[in-house]
PDB file of N, CA and C in Angstrom:
ATOM      1  N   MET A   1       1.006  -1.194   0.010  1.00  0.00           N
ATOM      2  CA  MET A   1      -0.085  -0.168   0.005  1.00  0.00           C
ATOM      3  C   MET A   1       0.944   1.284  -0.089  1.00  0.00           C
ATOM      4  N   GLU A   2       1.965   1.300   0.783  1.00  0.00           N
ATOM      5  CA  GLU A   2       2.764   2.409   0.867  1.00  0.00           C
ATOM      6  C   GLU A   2       3.363   2.653  -0.566  1.00  0.00           C
ATOM      7  N   ASP A   3       3.911   1.795  -1.031  1.00  0.00           N
ATOM      8  CA  ASP A   3       4.603   1.857  -2.323  1.00  0.00           C
ATOM      9  C   ASP A   3       3.631   2.259  -3.593  1.00  0.00           C
ATOM     10  N   ALA A   4       2.369   1.972  -3.501  1.00  0.00           N
ATOM     11  CA  ALA A   4       1.336   2.476  -4.370  1.00  0.00           C
ATOM     12  C   ALA A   4       1.154   3.935  -3.984  1.00  0.00           C
ATOM     13  N   LEU A   5       0.950   4.333  -2.694  1.00  0.00           N
ATOM     14  CA  LEU A   5       0.628   5.816  -2.298  1.00  0.00           C
ATOM     15  C   LEU A   5       1.867   6.605  -2.971  1.00  0.00           C
ATOM     16  N   ILE A   6       3.063   6.038  -2.840  1.00  0.00           N
ATOM     17  CA  ILE A   6       4.312   6.930  -3.278  1.00  0.00           C
ATOM     18  C   ILE A   6       4.048   7.158  -4.844  1.00  0.00           C
ATOM     19  N   ALA A   7       3.776   5.890  -5.356  1.00  0.00           N
ATOM     20  CA  ALA A   7       3.744   6.015  -6.987  1.00  0.00           C
ATOM     21  C   ALA A   7       2.816   6.836  -7.409  1.00  0.00           C
ATOM     22  N   SER A   8       1.690   7.262  -6.513  1.00  0.00           N
ATOM     23  CA  SER A   8       0.698   8.097  -6.730  1.00  0.00           C
ATOM     24  C   SER A   8       0.993   9.507  -6.585  1.00  0.00           C
ATOM     25  N   GLY A   9       2.137   9.781  -5.969  1.00  0.00           N
ATOM     26  CA  GLY A   9       2.599  11.120  -5.783  1.00  0.00           C
ATOM     27  C   GLY A   9       2.610  11.536  -4.247  1.00  0.00           C
ATOM     28  N   TYR A  10       2.210  10.689  -3.415  1.00  0.00           N
ATOM     29  CA  TYR A  10       2.302  11.029  -2.084  1.00  0.00           C
ATOM     30  C   TYR A  10       3.958  10.976  -1.328  1.00  0.00           C
ATOM     31  N   ASN A  11       4.103  11.882  -0.649  1.00  0.00           N
ATOM     32  CA  ASN A  11       5.480  11.841  -0.065  1.00  0.00           C
ATOM     33  C   ASN A  11       5.639  10.606   1.017  1.00  0.00           C
ATOM     34  N   THR A  12       6.985  10.196   1.298  1.00  0.00           N
ATOM     35  CA  THR A  12       7.035   8.951   2.147  1.00  0.00           C
ATOM     36  C   THR A  12       6.408   8.989   3.292  1.00  0.00           C
ATOM     37  N   THR A  13       6.372  10.267   4.025  1.00  0.00           N
ATOM     38  CA  THR A  13       5.956  10.277   5.448  1.00  0.00           C
ATOM     39  C   THR A  13       4.521  10.141   5.371  1.00  0.00           C
ATOM     40  N   THR A  14       3.732  10.742   4.382  1.00  0.00           N
ATOM     41  CA  THR A  14       2.255  10.892   4.314  1.00  0.00           C
ATOM     42  C   THR A  14       1.864   9.279   3.730  1.00  0.00           C
ATOM     43  N   ALA A  15       2.641   8.643   3.032  1.00  0.00           N
ATOM     44  CA  ALA A  15       2.307   7.602   2.414  1.00  0.00           C
ATOM     45  C   ALA A  15       2.406   6.554   3.723  1.00  0.00           C
ATOM     46  N   GLN A  16       3.238   6.643   4.180  1.00  0.00           N
ATOM     47  CA  GLN A  16       3.481   5.570   5.705  1.00  0.00           C
ATOM     48  C   GLN A  16       2.391   5.848   6.547  1.00  0.00           C
ATOM     49  N   PHE A  17       1.923   7.231   6.741  1.00  0.00           N
ATOM     50  CA  PHE A  17       0.816   7.258   7.751  1.00  0.00           C
ATOM     51  C   PHE A  17      -0.581   6.793   7.074  1.00  0.00           C
ATOM     52  N   ILE A  18      -0.890   7.089   5.775  1.00  0.00           N
ATOM     53  CA  ILE A  18      -2.070   6.692   5.270  1.00  0.00           C
ATOM     54  C   ILE A  18      -2.089   5.032   5.290  1.00  0.00           C
ATOM     55  N   SER A  19      -1.036   4.532   4.802  1.00  0.00           N
ATOM     56  CA  SER A  19      -1.118   3.028   4.602  1.00  0.00           C
ATOM     57  C   SER A  19      -1.334   2.243   5.810  1.00  0.00           C
ATOM     58  N   ARG A  20      -1.276   2.969   7.089  1.00  0.00           N
ATOM     59  CA  ARG A  20      -1.536   2.250   8.244  1.00  0.00           C
ATOM     60  C   ARG A  20      -2.860   2.264   8.677  1.00  0.00           C
ATOM     61  N   PHE A  21      -3.776   3.179   7.850  1.00  0.00           N
ATOM     62  CA  PHE A  21      -5.170   3.310   8.263  1.00  0.00           C
ATOM     63  C   PHE A  21      -5.831   1.859   8.183  1.00  0.00           C
ATOM     64  N   ARG A  22      -6.672   1.753   9.109  1.00  0.00           N
ATOM     65  CA  ARG A  22      -7.719   0.298   9.007  1.00  0.00           C
ATOM     66  C   ARG A  22      -9.028   0.717   9.272  1.00  0.00           C
ATOM     67  N   ILE A  23     -10.056   0.079   8.391  1.00  0.00           N
ATOM     68  CA  ILE A  23     -11.240   0.385   8.751  1.00  0.00           C
ATOM     69  C   ILE A  23     -12.021  -0.855   9.154  1.00  0.00           C
ATOM     70  N   PHE A  24     -12.840  -0.857  10.342  1.00  0.00           N
ATOM     71  CA  PHE A  24     -13.150  -1.874  11.071  1.00  0.00           C
ATOM     72  C   PHE A  24     -14.654  -1.978  10.708  1.00  0.00           C
ATOM     73  N   SER A  25     -15.337  -2.919  10.353  1.00  0.00           N
ATOM     74  CA  SER A  25     -16.680  -3.159   9.810  1.00  0.00           C
ATOM     75  C   SER A  25     -16.976  -4.510   9.894  1.00  0.00           C
ATOM     76  N   GLU A  26     -18.345  -4.700   9.917  1.00  0.00           N
ATOM     77  CA  GLU A  26     -19.029  -6.096   9.894  1.00  0.00           C
ATOM     78  C   GLU A  26     -18.668  -6.820   8.685  1.00  0.00           C
ATOM     79  N   PRO A  27     -18.706  -8.201   8.754  1.00  0.00           N
ATOM     80  CA  PRO A  27     -18.503  -9.132   7.550  1.00  0.00           C
ATOM     81  C   PRO A  27     -19.563  -8.666   6.402  1.00  0.00           C
ATOM     82  N   PRO A  28     -19.121  -8.856   5.088  1.00  0.00           N
ATOM     83  CA  PRO A  28     -20.156  -8.549   4.100  1.00  0.00           C
ATOM     84  C   PRO A  28     -21.355  -9.464   4.203  1.00  0.00           C
ATOM     85  N   GLY A  29     -22.500  -8.654   3.993  1.00  0.00           N
ATOM     86  CA  GLY A  29     -23.859  -9.398   4.338  1.00  0.00           C
ATOM     87  C   GLY A  29     -24.372  -9.237   5.766  1.00  0.00           C
ATOM     88  N   ALA A  30     -23.549  -8.911   6.610  1.00  0.00           N
ATOM     89  CA  ALA A  30     -23.974  -8.763   7.791  1.00  0.00           C
ATOM     90  C   ALA A  30     -24.694  -7.397   8.143  1.00  0.00           C
ATOM     91  N   TYR A  31     -25.395  -7.248   9.220  1.00  0.00           N
ATOM     92  CA  TYR A  31     -26.150  -5.904   9.504  1.00  0.00           C
ATOM     93  C   TYR A  31     -25.070  -5.094  10.201  1.00  0.00           C
ATOM     94  N   GLY A  32     -24.873  -3.972   9.883  1.00  0.00           N
ATOM     95  CA  GLY A  32     -23.805  -3.032  10.624  1.00  0.00           C
ATOM     96  C   GLY A  32     -24.095  -1.555  10.165  1.00  0.00           C
ATOM     97  N   PRO A  33     -22.998  -0.892  10.360  1.00  0.00           N
ATOM     98  CA  PRO A  33     -23.125   0.774   9.908  1.00  0.00           C
ATOM     99  C   PRO A  33     -23.032   0.952   8.480  1.00  0.00           C
ATOM    100  N   GLY A  34     -23.076   0.200   7.745  1.00  0.00           N
ATOM    101  CA  GLY A  34     -22.923   0.369   6.208  1.00  0.00           C
ATOM    102  C   GLY A  34     -21.612   0.907   5.614  1.00  0.00           C
ATOM    103  N   LEU A  35     -20.540   0.695   6.427  1.00  0.00           N
ATOM    104  CA  LEU A  35     -19.271   0.939   5.951  1.00  0.00           C
ATOM    105  C   LEU A  35     -18.686   0.487   4.798  1.00  0.00           C
ATOM    106  N   GLU A  36     -19.217  -0.750   4.540  1.00  0.00           N
ATOM    107  CA  GLU A  36     -18.757  -1.690   3.237  1.00  0.00           C
ATOM    108  C   GLU A  36     -19.079  -0.850   1.872  1.00  0.00           C
ATOM    109  N   GLY A  37     -20.366  -0.317   2.029  1.00  0.00           N
ATOM    110  CA  GLY A  37     -20.980   0.454   0.906  1.00  0.00           C
ATOM    111  C   GLY A  37     -20.201   1.687   0.638  1.00  0.00           C
ATOM    112  N   ALA A  38     -19.945   2.452   1.643  1.00  0.00           N
ATOM    113  CA  ALA A  38     -19.303   3.730   1.547  1.00  0.00           C
ATOM    114  C   ALA A  38     -17.815   3.685   1.243  1.00  0.00           C
ATOM    115  N   VAL A  39     -17.103   2.731   1.688  1.00  0.00           N
ATOM    116  CA  VAL A  39     -15.847   2.485   1.412  1.00  0.00           C
ATOM    117  C   VAL A  39     -15.914   2.128  -0.258  1.00  0.00           C
ATOM    118  N   THR A  40     -16.603   1.260  -0.782  1.00  0.00           N
ATOM    119  CA  THR A  40     -16.619   1.055  -2.086  1.00  0.00           C
ATOM    120  C   THR A  40     -17.247   2.030  -3.137  1.00  0.00           C
ATOM    121  N   ALA A  41     -17.989   3.012  -2.404  1.00  0.00           N
ATOM    122  CA  ALA A  41     -18.301   4.147  -3.194  1.00  0.00           C
ATOM    123  C   ALA A  41     -17.267   5.325  -3.255  1.00  0.00           C
ATOM    124  N   SER A  42     -16.238   5.146  -2.487  1.00  0.00           N
ATOM    125  CA  SER A  42     -15.410   6.268  -2.380  1.00  0.00           C
ATOM    126  C   SER A  42     -14.365   6.259  -3.704  1.00  0.00           C
ATOM    127  N   GLY A  43     -14.524   5.263  -4.290  1.00  0.00           N
ATOM    128  CA  GLY A  43     -13.569   5.071  -5.683  1.00  0.00           C
ATOM    129  C   GLY A  43     -12.267   4.946  -5.411  1.00  0.00           C
ATOM    130  N   THR A  44     -11.809   4.580  -4.034  1.00  0.00           N
ATOM    131  CA  THR A  44     -10.408   4.128  -3.932  1.00  0.00           C
ATOM    132  C   THR A  44     -10.134   2.713  -3.520  1.00  0.00           C
TER     133      THR A  44
END
């Protein structure tokens, strides 16, 4: 992930920071806050 961010133009410090983000959600198909749809809709 970090390498992909750097290739996209992020500097090393920012790429390291962003690459460590994690999104916690329910498994696909389970009732939850709807993060799965929001993440896939973000285009990232």
